[in-house]
Amino acid sequence: MRRRSAPGFSCELRGTIASAGFSSGHRFVVGHWAESPIGPMDDVMWALPDGRRALLVNRPEAAELITAVYRFDTVEVVPLRCCLEDALLSVTAGGLRITMRGGRRWRIPLAGVRSRTQVRQLERLLAGVLLGVRTWGVSPTGVQEWYRADTYRRLVAGQASLDGRDLGRVGPFHQPAGFGFSEPPRRPSMVEVRPWLHDRSGRLGKVVAASGTQRDG
């Protein structure tokens, strides 16, 4: 949805972010988006053991949208399939295979009525204490972001392999991934979120307009 309350371009996404590290040093943040400015999309943000940051998507317009907000060392458009059934997330992206299973679903209080201006400070405090994350900030490209979490699940199981090679035990993020202004929860997690983005530069708006899928509201 496009908002006109402030100069620049604003939009909102709705979906699920699942994140986990593995004992091999590989760390993943998977975005499964039911709604975005360019329609439903999936992406894998991948922090490799050597410090490189890679983005995997299945269409060029998704790469354009995400790189208008975040910075990566490598961006690849690959055959990517992401399926979320209840609490089981299955991802295939080229030679990469990931599965993550969430546990009990916890609803975040007042999820449907929180506004950016009224509870920003409170939400930032709670998110920092409970999950160790920041919910409001500025991305590496200058885009303002606010992440509103609606539900939370702690991962109870996870597997990952690359070209048939197992990537080890699922576990916490021991090192920062460095994708944006905030890090994922240290504990492997699955969170339903509604990120709000605002870009004063206009670059994000140009990307959305060029995709031909923008819907004004």
Protein backbone atom coordinates (compact mmCIF):
# COMPACT_ATOMS: atom_id res chain seq x y z
CA MET A 1 0.00 0.00 0.00
CA ARG A 2 1.36 3.43 -0.94
CA ARG A 3 1.14 6.15 1.73
CA ARG A 4 1.33 9.88 1.04
CA SER A 5 1.64 11.23 4.57
CA ALA A 6 5.35 12.09 4.24
CA PRO A 7 7.63 13.21 1.40
CA GLY A 8 9.10 10.32 -0.55
CA PHE A 9 7.83 6.80 -1.08
CA SER A 10 6.33 4.54 1.61
CA CYS A 11 5.12 0.97 1.46
CA GLU A 12 4.24 -1.93 3.70
CA LEU A 13 4.93 -5.67 3.48
CA ARG A 14 3.24 -8.57 5.25
CA GLY A 15 4.74 -12.01 5.72
CA THR A 16 6.98 -14.27 7.76
CA ILE A 17 10.68 -14.02 8.55
CA ALA A 18 12.46 -17.19 9.69
CA SER A 19 16.07 -17.04 10.81
CA ALA A 20 18.66 -19.49 12.10
CA GLY A 21 22.36 -20.16 12.23
CA PHE A 22 24.10 -23.51 11.71
CA SER A 23 27.21 -24.98 13.28
CA SER A 24 29.09 -24.74 9.96
CA GLY A 25 28.92 -20.94 10.25
CA HIS A 26 26.20 -20.42 7.66
CA ARG A 27 23.35 -18.15 8.75
CA PHE A 28 20.04 -17.61 6.97
CA VAL A 29 17.17 -15.15 7.07
CA VAL A 30 14.26 -16.32 4.91
CA GLY A 31 11.51 -13.91 3.91
CA HIS A 32 8.17 -15.37 2.80
CA TRP A 33 6.00 -12.41 1.79
CA ALA A 34 2.28 -12.71 1.12
CA GLU A 35 2.14 -8.99 0.32
CA SER A 36 4.78 -6.58 -0.97
CA PRO A 37 4.86 -3.59 -3.34
CA ILE A 38 5.66 -6.03 -6.17
CA GLY A 39 3.28 -8.79 -5.12
CA PRO A 40 4.03 -12.04 -3.25
CA MET A 41 7.73 -12.86 -3.13
CA ASP A 42 10.35 -14.94 -1.35
CA ASP A 43 14.00 -14.27 -0.58
CA VAL A 44 16.94 -15.81 1.24
CA MET A 45 19.53 -13.59 2.89
CA TRP A 46 22.61 -15.73 3.43
CA ALA A 47 25.60 -14.87 5.63
CA LEU A 48 28.48 -17.18 4.74
CA PRO A 49 31.24 -18.27 7.17
CA ASP A 50 33.83 -16.14 5.33
CA GLY A 51 31.82 -12.97 5.93
CA ARG A 52 30.21 -12.62 2.52
CA ARG A 53 26.54 -11.68 2.34
CA ALA A 54 24.44 -13.17 -0.46
CA LEU A 55 20.88 -12.59 -1.59
CA LEU A 56 18.92 -15.33 -3.38
CA VAL A 57 15.66 -14.49 -5.18
CA ASN A 58 13.69 -15.99 -8.04
CA ARG A 59 12.99 -12.87 -10.11
CA PRO A 60 14.93 -9.71 -10.98
CA GLU A 61 12.33 -7.27 -9.64
CA ALA A 62 12.63 -8.86 -6.19
CA ALA A 63 16.39 -8.34 -6.35
CA GLU A 64 15.87 -4.69 -7.31
CA LEU A 65 13.44 -4.08 -4.47
CA ILE A 66 15.56 -5.70 -1.75
CA THR A 67 18.87 -4.17 -2.88
CA ALA A 68 17.21 -0.75 -2.81
CA VAL A 69 17.06 -1.29 0.96
CA TYR A 70 19.98 -3.61 1.84
CA ARG A 71 23.53 -4.22 0.66
CA PHE A 72 24.96 -7.60 -0.41
CA ASP A 73 28.23 -8.88 -1.80
CA THR A 74 26.44 -11.26 -4.16
CA VAL A 75 22.94 -11.23 -5.65
CA GLU A 76 21.69 -14.31 -7.50
CA VAL A 77 18.43 -14.97 -9.32
CA VAL A 78 17.92 -18.72 -8.97
CA PRO A 79 15.06 -21.24 -9.03
CA LEU A 80 13.62 -20.59 -5.56
CA ARG A 81 10.66 -22.28 -3.94
CA CYS A 82 9.44 -21.43 -0.46
CA CYS A 83 6.53 -23.25 1.14
CA LEU A 84 5.06 -22.43 4.56
CA GLU A 85 2.53 -24.87 5.97
CA ASP A 86 1.47 -24.05 9.52
CA ALA A 87 4.81 -23.95 11.33
CA LEU A 88 6.95 -25.80 8.74
CA LEU A 89 8.98 -23.72 6.30
CA SER A 90 10.68 -25.50 3.39
CA VAL A 91 13.05 -23.68 1.04
CA THR A 92 14.80 -24.77 -2.15
CA ALA A 93 17.10 -22.22 -3.79
CA GLY A 94 19.44 -23.65 -6.40
CA GLY A 95 21.61 -26.18 -4.54
CA LEU A 96 20.51 -24.88 -1.13
CA ARG A 97 17.92 -26.72 0.95
CA ILE A 98 16.54 -25.35 4.23
CA THR A 99 13.76 -26.55 6.52
CA MET A 100 12.69 -24.82 9.71
CA ARG A 101 9.96 -25.90 12.11
CA GLY A 102 8.46 -23.48 14.59
CA GLY A 103 7.09 -24.33 18.01
CA ARG A 104 4.23 -22.77 19.92
CA ARG A 105 2.77 -19.63 18.40
CA TRP A 106 2.76 -16.56 20.64
CA ARG A 107 0.63 -13.57 19.67
CA ILE A 108 2.16 -10.15 20.26
CA PRO A 109 -0.18 -7.95 22.38
CA LEU A 110 -2.09 -5.20 20.55
CA ALA A 111 -0.66 -6.33 17.22
CA GLY A 112 -3.53 -4.91 15.22
CA VAL A 113 -3.67 -1.45 16.78
CA ARG A 114 -0.05 -0.42 17.23
CA SER A 115 0.94 2.70 15.34
CA ARG A 116 4.40 3.95 14.47
CA THR A 117 4.12 7.17 16.47
CA GLN A 118 2.27 5.97 19.58
CA VAL A 119 4.25 2.92 20.66
CA ARG A 120 7.57 3.14 18.84
CA GLN A 121 9.59 3.68 22.02
CA LEU A 122 7.76 0.98 24.01
CA GLU A 123 8.02 -1.55 21.21
CA ARG A 124 11.70 -0.82 20.76
CA LEU A 125 12.27 -1.47 24.47
CA LEU A 126 10.29 -4.72 24.52
CA ALA A 127 11.89 -6.04 21.34
CA GLY A 128 15.34 -5.31 22.70
CA VAL A 129 14.70 -6.99 26.04
CA LEU A 130 12.75 -10.02 24.81
CA LEU A 131 14.35 -10.76 21.43
CA GLY A 132 17.51 -8.68 21.32
CA VAL A 133 16.43 -6.89 18.14
CA ARG A 134 15.80 -3.32 17.01
CA THR A 135 12.45 -2.59 15.37
CA TRP A 136 13.07 0.94 14.08
CA GLY A 137 16.06 2.30 12.20
CA VAL A 138 17.63 3.29 8.91
CA SER A 139 18.89 0.75 6.38
CA PRO A 140 22.34 0.88 4.75
CA THR A 141 20.79 2.66 1.73
CA GLY A 142 19.00 5.29 3.83
CA VAL A 143 15.51 3.75 3.94
CA GLN A 144 13.63 4.16 7.21
CA GLU A 145 12.18 0.88 8.51
CA TRP A 146 9.78 -0.17 11.22
CA TYR A 147 9.15 -3.86 11.90
CA ARG A 148 5.85 -4.68 13.59
CA ALA A 149 5.75 -8.27 14.84
CA ASP A 150 2.33 -9.95 15.05
CA THR A 151 3.29 -13.46 16.21
CA TYR A 152 6.45 -15.24 17.34
CA ARG A 153 7.56 -18.88 17.28
CA ARG A 154 10.85 -20.24 18.54
CA LEU A 155 12.30 -22.79 16.11
CA VAL A 156 12.29 -26.32 17.49
CA ALA A 157 14.09 -27.94 14.54
CA GLY A 158 16.04 -26.97 11.46
CA GLN A 159 18.16 -28.49 8.71
CA ALA A 160 20.20 -27.03 5.88
CA SER A 161 22.33 -28.51 3.10
CA LEU A 162 24.31 -27.12 0.18
CA ASP A 163 24.73 -29.31 -2.89
CA GLY A 164 23.95 -32.31 -0.69
CA ARG A 165 26.43 -31.35 2.06
CA ASP A 166 24.89 -30.98 5.51
CA LEU A 167 25.55 -27.57 7.10
CA GLY A 168 25.44 -28.79 10.69
CA ARG A 169 23.25 -28.34 13.72
CA VAL A 170 20.76 -25.52 13.90
CA GLY A 171 21.58 -22.88 16.49
CA PRO A 172 21.84 -19.20 17.39
CA PHE A 173 23.39 -16.37 15.41
CA HIS A 174 26.84 -16.30 17.02
CA GLN A 175 28.11 -13.54 14.71
CA PRO A 176 26.26 -10.57 13.20
CA ALA A 177 24.90 -11.11 9.69
CA GLY A 178 25.24 -7.44 8.74
CA PHE A 179 22.27 -7.24 6.38
CA GLY A 180 20.67 -4.10 7.79
CA PHE A 181 20.36 -1.79 10.80
CA SER A 182 19.15 -4.66 13.01
CA GLU A 183 20.15 -8.27 13.47
CA PRO A 184 17.66 -11.17 13.56
CA PRO A 185 16.75 -12.63 16.97
CA ARG A 186 19.77 -14.49 18.32
CA ARG A 187 17.63 -17.56 18.95
CA PRO A 188 16.33 -19.32 15.81
CA SER A 189 12.89 -17.84 15.27
CA MET A 190 9.87 -17.56 13.00
CA VAL A 191 8.04 -14.24 13.19
CA GLU A 192 4.99 -12.88 11.37
CA VAL A 193 5.79 -9.25 10.59
CA ARG A 194 4.55 -6.15 8.79
CA PRO A 195 7.58 -4.03 7.86
CA TRP A 196 6.91 -0.41 6.92
CA LEU A 197 9.46 1.27 4.65
CA HIS A 198 9.92 4.95 3.88
CA ASP A 199 12.44 6.24 1.34
CA ARG A 200 12.92 9.97 0.93
CA SER A 201 15.34 9.53 -1.99
CA GLY A 202 12.70 8.15 -4.33
CA ARG A 203 14.82 5.19 -5.44
CA LEU A 204 12.52 2.63 -3.86
CA GLY A 205 9.50 4.20 -5.53
CA LYS A 206 11.19 4.02 -8.93
CA VAL A 207 11.91 0.33 -8.44
CA VAL A 208 8.27 -0.36 -7.56
CA ALA A 209 6.97 1.72 -10.47
CA ALA A 210 9.29 -0.06 -12.91
CA SER A 211 8.00 -3.45 -11.76
CA GLY A 212 4.51 -2.59 -13.00
CA THR A 213 2.83 -4.18 -9.96
CA GLN A 214 2.36 -1.16 -7.69
CA ARG A 215 -1.09 -0.70 -6.18
CA ASP A 216 -1.92 2.70 -4.80
CA GLY A 217 -4.12 2.92 -1.73
